[in-house]
Amino acid sequence: MVVKKHSISVCIIAKPYENIDKCLNSIKNQIYSPKEIVVHRGIGRFSVLRNNALDKASGEIIVFIDSDCYSEKHWLEEINYIFLDKSIIGFFGKVCYELNGNFPTAKTRVISNDGNDTMTANAGFRSDILKRVRFDEDFNYLEDKILFKRMKKEGKIIYSNEAIVFHEYQEWTFKKAINYAKKVEDFLKADKKYGMPINRLGPLIYPQHILIIFFPPILFLYHSIRGLKDLNILTAMYMEKIYTRLLIWRYAIKNREFLF
């Protein structure tokens, strides 16, 4: 039996001077060769950058991998098998996180997926449908989850445990931990525009944050502390909760909604 071979475009977005050699080499060393590797470098909303990348892609299948990830050598081979089923229009795959022998503490930024989330760190779609639906450029941080919600209206999307990428070890910086709060604006917009529920109790968004703001030691229950850097990041996490609350109030005033 002859297995159909799809032409696959691999899309990567990266910062202008980011080193992505490990990611690129993992794709070049695949058992199944891609038609092309599209690298789009820039700064701005992830949704815009991803749309710019997919506009350059010419394969039947467009797959995404994050610049700080690298692929298992059978990754594209498994993706080709997925799309042999004509009813499938998209997939998201397993993302394994590398600890490199490090014990996960407060400073460890863990990004992984065992099928519980939809992430474009490891995902692919039929090109004709993706180029029609596209990423919603009103959003930055939730561009992947919103895309999956919209694509599911077009056909079948599955999770693959066999299409695997590895996420490189990362640590939080003080600035990144605080800026994480900015995601709440996209969550609130997505709740309103797409009916994507946000964690709330009545008008109270993220009620667990209120507890942490008034009782900071609660943070120690969720994070291991093994050094001054962990304490520094824990301080940033506390400030992030306060910043999140301020952004919620700003959104509520701007949109004339009662949110707390």
C-alpha atoms as a PDB file:
ATOM      1  CA  MET A   1       0.000   0.000   0.000  1.00  0.00           C
ATOM      2  CA  VAL A   2       1.362   3.385  -1.023  1.00  0.00           C
ATOM      3  CA  VAL A   3       0.925   6.018   1.698  1.00  0.00           C
ATOM      4  CA  LYS A   4       0.074   9.500   0.450  1.00  0.00           C
ATOM      5  CA  LYS A   5       2.727  12.063   1.223  1.00  0.00           C
ATOM      6  CA  HIS A   6       1.386  15.507   2.017  1.00  0.00           C
ATOM      7  CA  SER A   7       3.422  18.608   1.325  1.00  0.00           C
ATOM      8  CA  ILE A   8       3.998  20.134   4.759  1.00  0.00           C
ATOM      9  CA  SER A   9       5.035  23.710   5.539  1.00  0.00           C
ATOM     10  CA  VAL A  10       6.564  24.243   8.983  1.00  0.00           C
ATOM     11  CA  CYS A  11       5.995  27.769  10.318  1.00  0.00           C
ATOM     12  CA  ILE A  12       8.065  29.375  13.069  1.00  0.00           C
ATOM     13  CA  ILE A  13       7.736  32.877  14.446  1.00  0.00           C
ATOM     14  CA  ALA A  14      10.714  34.357  16.261  1.00  0.00           C
ATOM     15  CA  LYS A  15      12.115  37.611  17.559  1.00  0.00           C
ATOM     16  CA  PRO A  16      14.468  39.459  15.160  1.00  0.00           C
ATOM     17  CA  TYR A  17      17.725  38.267  16.746  1.00  0.00           C
ATOM     18  CA  GLU A  18      16.538  35.099  18.507  1.00  0.00           C
ATOM     19  CA  ASN A  19      18.720  32.017  18.058  1.00  0.00           C
ATOM     20  CA  ILE A  20      16.494  29.223  16.741  1.00  0.00           C
ATOM     21  CA  ASP A  21      19.196  26.838  15.514  1.00  0.00           C
ATOM     22  CA  LYS A  22      18.099  23.972  17.769  1.00  0.00           C
ATOM     23  CA  CYS A  23      14.531  24.229  16.496  1.00  0.00           C
ATOM     24  CA  LEU A  24      15.610  24.470  12.835  1.00  0.00           C
ATOM     25  CA  ASN A  25      18.057  21.575  13.083  1.00  0.00           C
ATOM     26  CA  SER A  26      15.394  19.318  14.568  1.00  0.00           C
ATOM     27  CA  ILE A  27      13.161  19.984  11.561  1.00  0.00           C
ATOM     28  CA  LYS A  28      15.948  19.551   9.025  1.00  0.00           C
ATOM     29  CA  ASN A  29      16.771  16.158  10.583  1.00  0.00           C
ATOM     30  CA  GLN A  30      13.226  14.788  10.338  1.00  0.00           C
ATOM     31  CA  ILE A  31      12.601  11.303   8.925  1.00  0.00           C
ATOM     32  CA  TYR A  32       9.866  12.914   6.817  1.00  0.00           C
ATOM     33  CA  SER A  33      11.125  16.019   5.020  1.00  0.00           C
ATOM     34  CA  PRO A  34       8.979  19.168   4.980  1.00  0.00           C
ATOM     35  CA  LYS A  35       8.244  20.993   1.747  1.00  0.00           C
ATOM     36  CA  GLU A  36       9.543  24.194   3.337  1.00  0.00           C
ATOM     37  CA  ILE A  37      10.402  25.878   6.612  1.00  0.00           C
ATOM     38  CA  VAL A  38       8.898  29.344   6.928  1.00  0.00           C
ATOM     39  CA  VAL A  39      10.573  31.570   9.523  1.00  0.00           C
ATOM     40  CA  HIS A  40       8.891  34.899  10.182  1.00  0.00           C
ATOM     41  CA  ARG A  41      10.818  37.221  12.470  1.00  0.00           C
ATOM     42  CA  GLY A  42       9.204  40.227  14.053  1.00  0.00           C
ATOM     43  CA  ILE A  43       7.822  41.892  17.163  1.00  0.00           C
ATOM     44  CA  GLY A  44       4.134  42.347  17.767  1.00  0.00           C
ATOM     45  CA  ARG A  45       0.974  40.386  18.377  1.00  0.00           C
ATOM     46  CA  PHE A  46       1.439  36.634  18.038  1.00  0.00           C
ATOM     47  CA  SER A  47      -1.747  36.440  15.959  1.00  0.00           C
ATOM     48  CA  VAL A  48      -0.384  38.907  13.394  1.00  0.00           C
ATOM     49  CA  LEU A  49       3.014  37.218  13.249  1.00  0.00           C
ATOM     50  CA  ARG A  50       1.436  33.784  12.764  1.00  0.00           C
ATOM     51  CA  ASN A  51      -0.839  35.086   9.989  1.00  0.00           C
ATOM     52  CA  ASN A  52       2.196  36.602   8.273  1.00  0.00           C
ATOM     53  CA  ALA A  53       3.936  33.227   8.465  1.00  0.00           C
ATOM     54  CA  LEU A  54       1.013  31.189   7.142  1.00  0.00           C
ATOM     55  CA  ASP A  55       0.572  33.655   4.262  1.00  0.00           C
ATOM     56  CA  LYS A  56       4.063  32.650   3.076  1.00  0.00           C
ATOM     57  CA  ALA A  57       3.377  28.909   3.371  1.00  0.00           C
ATOM     58  CA  SER A  58       2.482  26.896   0.267  1.00  0.00           C
ATOM     59  CA  GLY A  59       2.089  23.340   1.589  1.00  0.00           C
ATOM     60  CA  GLU A  60      -1.116  21.293   1.780  1.00  0.00           C
ATOM     61  CA  ILE A  61      -0.617  21.143   5.552  1.00  0.00           C
ATOM     62  CA  ILE A  62       0.651  24.039   7.672  1.00  0.00           C
ATOM     63  CA  VAL A  63       2.172  23.147  11.025  1.00  0.00           C
ATOM     64  CA  PHE A  64       3.423  25.405  13.787  1.00  0.00           C
ATOM     65  CA  ILE A  65       6.223  24.874  16.268  1.00  0.00           C
ATOM     66  CA  ASP A  66       7.460  27.475  18.753  1.00  0.00           C
ATOM     67  CA  SER A  67      10.976  28.828  18.395  1.00  0.00           C
ATOM     68  CA  ASP A  68      11.923  27.583  21.883  1.00  0.00           C
ATOM     69  CA  CYS A  69      10.868  24.019  21.045  1.00  0.00           C
ATOM     70  CA  TYR A  70      12.447  21.251  19.018  1.00  0.00           C
ATOM     71  CA  SER A  71      10.831  18.237  17.385  1.00  0.00           C
ATOM     72  CA  GLU A  72      11.214  14.493  17.820  1.00  0.00           C
ATOM     73  CA  LYS A  73      12.579  13.025  14.558  1.00  0.00           C
ATOM     74  CA  HIS A  74       9.306  11.255  13.636  1.00  0.00           C
ATOM     75  CA  TRP A  75       7.206  14.402  14.247  1.00  0.00           C
ATOM     76  CA  LEU A  76       6.350  15.186  10.608  1.00  0.00           C
ATOM     77  CA  GLU A  77       5.968  11.501   9.771  1.00  0.00           C
ATOM     78  CA  GLU A  78       3.263  11.225  12.451  1.00  0.00           C
ATOM     79  CA  ILE A  79       1.614  14.411  11.177  1.00  0.00           C
ATOM     80  CA  ASN A  80       1.462  12.984   7.656  1.00  0.00           C
ATOM     81  CA  TYR A  81      -0.331   9.895   9.026  1.00  0.00           C
ATOM     82  CA  ILE A  82      -2.827  12.070  10.901  1.00  0.00           C
ATOM     83  CA  PHE A  83      -3.988  13.807   7.728  1.00  0.00           C
ATOM     84  CA  LEU A  84      -4.482  10.553   5.803  1.00  0.00           C
ATOM     85  CA  ASP A  85      -7.912  10.668   7.448  1.00  0.00           C
ATOM     86  CA  LYS A  86      -9.730  13.153   5.217  1.00  0.00           C
ATOM     87  CA  SER A  87     -12.225  13.981   7.969  1.00  0.00           C
ATOM     88  CA  ILE A  88      -9.437  15.510  10.091  1.00  0.00           C
ATOM     89  CA  ILE A  89      -8.714  19.193   9.438  1.00  0.00           C
ATOM     90  CA  GLY A  90      -6.326  19.843  12.318  1.00  0.00           C
ATOM     91  CA  PHE A  91      -4.388  18.439  15.251  1.00  0.00           C
ATOM     92  CA  PHE A  92      -2.465  19.489  18.329  1.00  0.00           C
ATOM     93  CA  GLY A  93       0.328  17.350  19.670  1.00  0.00           C
ATOM     94  CA  LYS A  94       2.229  16.469  22.808  1.00  0.00           C
ATOM     95  CA  VAL A  95       4.587  19.085  24.273  1.00  0.00           C
ATOM     96  CA  CYS A  96       7.157  17.647  26.679  1.00  0.00           C
ATOM     97  CA  TYR A  97       8.935  20.021  29.029  1.00  0.00           C
ATOM     98  CA  GLU A  98      12.670  19.701  29.681  1.00  0.00           C
ATOM     99  CA  LEU A  99      13.803  20.169  33.274  1.00  0.00           C
ATOM    100  CA  ASN A 100      17.444  19.290  32.495  1.00  0.00           C
ATOM    101  CA  GLY A 101      17.858  17.834  35.973  1.00  0.00           C
ATOM    102  CA  ASN A 102      16.459  20.955  37.656  1.00  0.00           C
ATOM    103  CA  PHE A 103      13.928  20.669  40.449  1.00  0.00           C
ATOM    104  CA  PRO A 104      10.822  22.743  39.529  1.00  0.00           C
ATOM    105  CA  THR A 105      10.592  25.734  41.866  1.00  0.00           C
ATOM    106  CA  ALA A 106       8.873  29.135  41.764  1.00  0.00           C
ATOM    107  CA  LYS A 107      11.314  30.392  39.117  1.00  0.00           C
ATOM    108  CA  THR A 108      10.613  27.474  36.735  1.00  0.00           C
ATOM    109  CA  ARG A 109       8.327  28.368  33.850  1.00  0.00           C
ATOM    110  CA  VAL A 110       6.760  25.050  32.835  1.00  0.00           C
ATOM    111  CA  ILE A 111       5.089  24.890  29.410  1.00  0.00           C
ATOM    112  CA  SER A 112       3.789  21.444  28.459  1.00  0.00           C
ATOM    113  CA  ASN A 113       0.733  19.714  27.031  1.00  0.00           C
ATOM    114  CA  ASP A 114      -0.609  16.187  27.521  1.00  0.00           C
ATOM    115  CA  GLY A 115      -3.819  16.856  25.631  1.00  0.00           C
ATOM    116  CA  ASN A 116      -5.424  19.084  28.249  1.00  0.00           C
ATOM    117  CA  ASP A 117      -4.835  22.275  26.277  1.00  0.00           C
ATOM    118  CA  THR A 118      -4.724  23.521  22.681  1.00  0.00           C
ATOM    119  CA  MET A 119      -1.349  25.022  21.851  1.00  0.00           C
ATOM    120  CA  THR A 120       0.221  26.162  18.583  1.00  0.00           C
ATOM    121  CA  ALA A 121       3.600  25.188  20.024  1.00  0.00           C
ATOM    122  CA  ASN A 122       2.774  21.907  18.264  1.00  0.00           C
ATOM    123  CA  ALA A 123      -0.200  22.041  15.910  1.00  0.00           C
ATOM    124  CA  GLY A 124      -1.162  21.734  12.266  1.00  0.00           C
ATOM    125  CA  PHE A 125      -4.082  22.332   9.916  1.00  0.00           C
ATOM    126  CA  ARG A 126      -5.170  21.843   6.335  1.00  0.00           C
ATOM    127  CA  SER A 127      -3.884  24.902   4.551  1.00  0.00           C
ATOM    128  CA  ASP A 128      -7.014  25.861   2.592  1.00  0.00           C
ATOM    129  CA  ILE A 129      -9.169  25.970   5.730  1.00  0.00           C
ATOM    130  CA  LEU A 130      -6.566  27.673   7.929  1.00  0.00           C
ATOM    131  CA  LYS A 131      -5.928  30.428   5.384  1.00  0.00           C
ATOM    132  CA  ARG A 132      -9.656  31.129   5.280  1.00  0.00           C
ATOM    133  CA  VAL A 133     -10.236  31.118   9.054  1.00  0.00           C
ATOM    134  CA  ARG A 134      -6.890  32.654  10.139  1.00  0.00           C
ATOM    135  CA  PHE A 135      -5.847  33.909  13.592  1.00  0.00           C
ATOM    136  CA  ASP A 136      -8.001  36.666  15.072  1.00  0.00           C
ATOM    137  CA  GLU A 137      -5.669  39.662  15.101  1.00  0.00           C
ATOM    138  CA  ASP A 138      -7.651  41.377  17.873  1.00  0.00           C
ATOM    139  CA  PHE A 139      -5.898  39.005  20.264  1.00  0.00           C
ATOM    140  CA  ASN A 140      -2.343  38.301  21.316  1.00  0.00           C
ATOM    141  CA  TYR A 141      -2.019  35.757  24.124  1.00  0.00           C
ATOM    142  CA  LEU A 142      -5.091  33.628  23.334  1.00  0.00           C
ATOM    143  CA  GLU A 143      -4.579  33.466  19.587  1.00  0.00           C
ATOM    144  CA  ASP A 144      -4.134  29.678  19.634  1.00  0.00           C
ATOM    145  CA  LYS A 145      -7.136  28.780  21.784  1.00  0.00           C
ATOM    146  CA  ILE A 146      -9.396  31.113  19.790  1.00  0.00           C
ATOM    147  CA  LEU A 147      -8.170  29.648  16.503  1.00  0.00           C
ATOM    148  CA  PHE A 148      -8.924  26.109  17.685  1.00  0.00           C
ATOM    149  CA  LYS A 149     -12.420  27.128  18.800  1.00  0.00           C
ATOM    150  CA  ARG A 150     -13.128  28.637  15.375  1.00  0.00           C
ATOM    151  CA  MET A 151     -11.499  25.776  13.446  1.00  0.00           C
ATOM    152  CA  LYS A 152     -13.600  23.179  15.289  1.00  0.00           C
ATOM    153  CA  LYS A 153     -16.618  24.630  13.508  1.00  0.00           C
ATOM    154  CA  GLU A 154     -14.968  23.666  10.211  1.00  0.00           C
ATOM    155  CA  GLY A 155     -14.277  20.016  10.965  1.00  0.00           C
ATOM    156  CA  LYS A 156     -12.581  17.424  13.144  1.00  0.00           C
ATOM    157  CA  ILE A 157      -9.541  18.317  15.255  1.00  0.00           C
ATOM    158  CA  ILE A 158      -7.707  15.657  17.247  1.00  0.00           C
ATOM    159  CA  TYR A 159      -4.975  15.398  19.862  1.00  0.00           C
ATOM    160  CA  SER A 160      -1.961  13.274  18.930  1.00  0.00           C
ATOM    161  CA  ASN A 161       0.172  11.668  21.612  1.00  0.00           C
ATOM    162  CA  GLU A 162       2.635  10.529  18.931  1.00  0.00           C
ATOM    163  CA  ALA A 163       3.441  13.890  17.310  1.00  0.00           C
ATOM    164  CA  ILE A 164       5.919  15.157  19.901  1.00  0.00           C
ATOM    165  CA  VAL A 165       7.935  18.317  20.447  1.00  0.00           C
ATOM    166  CA  PHE A 166      10.133  19.228  23.402  1.00  0.00           C
ATOM    167  CA  HIS A 167      10.043  22.607  25.112  1.00  0.00           C
ATOM    168  CA  GLU A 168      13.380  23.948  26.269  1.00  0.00           C
ATOM    169  CA  TYR A 169      13.899  24.768  29.942  1.00  0.00           C
ATOM    170  CA  GLN A 170      12.894  28.318  30.873  1.00  0.00           C
ATOM    171  CA  GLU A 171      12.881  30.436  33.999  1.00  0.00           C
ATOM    172  CA  TRP A 172      10.653  33.337  34.911  1.00  0.00           C
ATOM    173  CA  THR A 173      12.150  36.801  35.041  1.00  0.00           C
ATOM    174  CA  PHE A 174      10.737  39.419  37.391  1.00  0.00           C
ATOM    175  CA  LYS A 175       9.411  41.448  34.437  1.00  0.00           C
ATOM    176  CA  LYS A 176       7.833  38.483  32.632  1.00  0.00           C
ATOM    177  CA  ALA A 177       6.102  37.305  35.801  1.00  0.00           C
ATOM    178  CA  ILE A 178       4.475  40.712  36.308  1.00  0.00           C
ATOM    179  CA  ASN A 179       3.594  41.168  32.624  1.00  0.00           C
ATOM    180  CA  TYR A 180       1.779  37.828  32.700  1.00  0.00           C
ATOM    181  CA  ALA A 181      -1.117  39.854  34.102  1.00  0.00           C
ATOM    182  CA  LYS A 182      -1.735  41.357  30.660  1.00  0.00           C
ATOM    183  CA  LYS A 183      -3.268  38.076  29.525  1.00  0.00           C
ATOM    184  CA  VAL A 184      -6.399  38.871  31.500  1.00  0.00           C
ATOM    185  CA  GLU A 185      -7.446  41.521  28.959  1.00  0.00           C
ATOM    186  CA  ASP A 186      -7.507  38.932  26.184  1.00  0.00           C
ATOM    187  CA  PHE A 187      -9.361  36.479  28.433  1.00  0.00           C
ATOM    188  CA  LEU A 188     -12.052  39.076  29.107  1.00  0.00           C
ATOM    189  CA  LYS A 189     -12.360  39.952  25.402  1.00  0.00           C
ATOM    190  CA  ALA A 190     -12.516  36.263  24.446  1.00  0.00           C
ATOM    191  CA  ASP A 191     -15.242  35.663  27.027  1.00  0.00           C
ATOM    192  CA  LYS A 192     -17.308  38.448  25.479  1.00  0.00           C
ATOM    193  CA  LYS A 193     -16.587  37.742  21.790  1.00  0.00           C
ATOM    194  CA  TYR A 194     -16.408  33.941  21.711  1.00  0.00           C
ATOM    195  CA  GLY A 195     -18.078  32.821  24.923  1.00  0.00           C
ATOM    196  CA  MET A 196     -14.842  31.371  26.270  1.00  0.00           C
ATOM    197  CA  PRO A 197     -15.458  31.197  30.029  1.00  0.00           C
ATOM    198  CA  ILE A 198     -13.040  32.848  32.402  1.00  0.00           C
ATOM    199  CA  ASN A 199     -12.558  31.714  36.010  1.00  0.00           C
ATOM    200  CA  ARG A 200     -15.135  33.718  37.937  1.00  0.00           C
ATOM    201  CA  LEU A 201     -17.594  33.650  40.804  1.00  0.00           C
ATOM    202  CA  GLY A 202     -20.420  35.952  39.747  1.00  0.00           C
ATOM    203  CA  PRO A 203     -18.794  39.293  38.874  1.00  0.00           C
ATOM    204  CA  LEU A 204     -15.605  38.306  40.708  1.00  0.00           C
ATOM    205  CA  ILE A 205     -12.855  37.374  38.227  1.00  0.00           C
ATOM    206  CA  TYR A 206     -10.139  35.030  39.563  1.00  0.00           C
ATOM    207  CA  PRO A 207     -11.466  34.830  43.151  1.00  0.00           C
ATOM    208  CA  GLN A 208      -8.323  32.932  44.186  1.00  0.00           C
ATOM    209  CA  HIS A 209      -6.316  36.087  43.434  1.00  0.00           C
ATOM    210  CA  ILE A 210      -8.235  37.996  46.102  1.00  0.00           C
ATOM    211  CA  LEU A 211      -7.211  35.414  48.685  1.00  0.00           C
ATOM    212  CA  ILE A 212      -3.562  35.706  47.655  1.00  0.00           C
ATOM    213  CA  ILE A 213      -3.642  39.520  47.709  1.00  0.00           C
ATOM    214  CA  PHE A 214      -4.921  39.539  51.300  1.00  0.00           C
ATOM    215  CA  PHE A 215      -2.982  36.445  52.412  1.00  0.00           C
ATOM    216  CA  PRO A 216       0.338  36.370  50.469  1.00  0.00           C
ATOM    217  CA  PRO A 217       1.712  33.284  52.323  1.00  0.00           C
ATOM    218  CA  ILE A 218      -0.770  31.221  50.274  1.00  0.00           C
ATOM    219  CA  LEU A 219       1.739  31.455  47.413  1.00  0.00           C
ATOM    220  CA  PHE A 220       4.136  29.284  49.407  1.00  0.00           C
ATOM    221  CA  LEU A 221       1.574  26.465  49.261  1.00  0.00           C
ATOM    222  CA  TYR A 222       1.821  26.308  45.459  1.00  0.00           C
ATOM    223  CA  HIS A 223       5.531  26.919  44.830  1.00  0.00           C
ATOM    224  CA  SER A 224       8.764  25.425  46.103  1.00  0.00           C
ATOM    225  CA  ILE A 225      11.388  27.894  47.319  1.00  0.00           C
ATOM    226  CA  ARG A 226      15.054  26.952  47.040  1.00  0.00           C
ATOM    227  CA  GLY A 227      16.846  30.263  46.786  1.00  0.00           C
ATOM    228  CA  LEU A 228      16.677  34.046  46.597  1.00  0.00           C
ATOM    229  CA  LYS A 229      15.666  33.963  42.933  1.00  0.00           C
ATOM    230  CA  ASP A 230      12.582  31.948  43.850  1.00  0.00           C
ATOM    231  CA  LEU A 231      11.663  34.536  46.500  1.00  0.00           C
ATOM    232  CA  ASN A 232      12.185  37.303  43.954  1.00  0.00           C
ATOM    233  CA  ILE A 233       9.854  35.613  41.468  1.00  0.00           C
ATOM    234  CA  LEU A 234       7.299  34.949  44.213  1.00  0.00           C
ATOM    235  CA  THR A 235       7.272  38.697  44.919  1.00  0.00           C
ATOM    236  CA  ALA A 236       6.667  39.340  41.211  1.00  0.00           C
ATOM    237  CA  MET A 237       3.827  36.804  41.213  1.00  0.00           C
ATOM    238  CA  TYR A 238       2.193  38.651  44.091  1.00  0.00           C
ATOM    239  CA  MET A 239       2.494  41.971  42.257  1.00  0.00           C
ATOM    240  CA  GLU A 240       1.098  40.288  39.124  1.00  0.00           C
ATOM    241  CA  LYS A 241      -2.090  39.439  41.027  1.00  0.00           C
ATOM    242  CA  ILE A 242      -2.516  43.104  42.003  1.00  0.00           C
ATOM    243  CA  TYR A 243      -1.746  44.256  38.442  1.00  0.00           C
ATOM    244  CA  THR A 244      -4.304  41.769  37.104  1.00  0.00           C
ATOM    245  CA  ARG A 245      -6.939  43.242  39.393  1.00  0.00           C
ATOM    246  CA  LEU A 246      -6.166  46.771  38.151  1.00  0.00           C
ATOM    247  CA  LEU A 247      -6.471  45.638  34.523  1.00  0.00           C
ATOM    248  CA  ILE A 248      -9.829  43.998  35.291  1.00  0.00           C
ATOM    249  CA  TRP A 249     -11.115  47.245  36.773  1.00  0.00           C
ATOM    250  CA  ARG A 250      -9.823  49.244  33.813  1.00  0.00           C
ATOM    251  CA  TYR A 251     -11.602  46.873  31.436  1.00  0.00           C
ATOM    252  CA  ALA A 252     -14.805  47.098  33.502  1.00  0.00           C
ATOM    253  CA  ILE A 253     -14.788  50.914  33.463  1.00  0.00           C
ATOM    254  CA  LYS A 254     -14.008  51.081  29.745  1.00  0.00           C
ATOM    255  CA  ASN A 255     -16.762  48.613  28.818  1.00  0.00           C
ATOM    256  CA  ARG A 256     -19.198  49.723  31.509  1.00  0.00           C
ATOM    257  CA  GLU A 257     -19.439  46.258  33.045  1.00  0.00           C
ATOM    258  CA  PHE A 258     -19.622  45.349  36.692  1.00  0.00           C
ATOM    259  CA  LEU A 259     -16.558  43.229  37.283  1.00  0.00           C
ATOM    260  CA  PHE A 260     -14.492  42.858  40.427  1.00  0.00           C
END
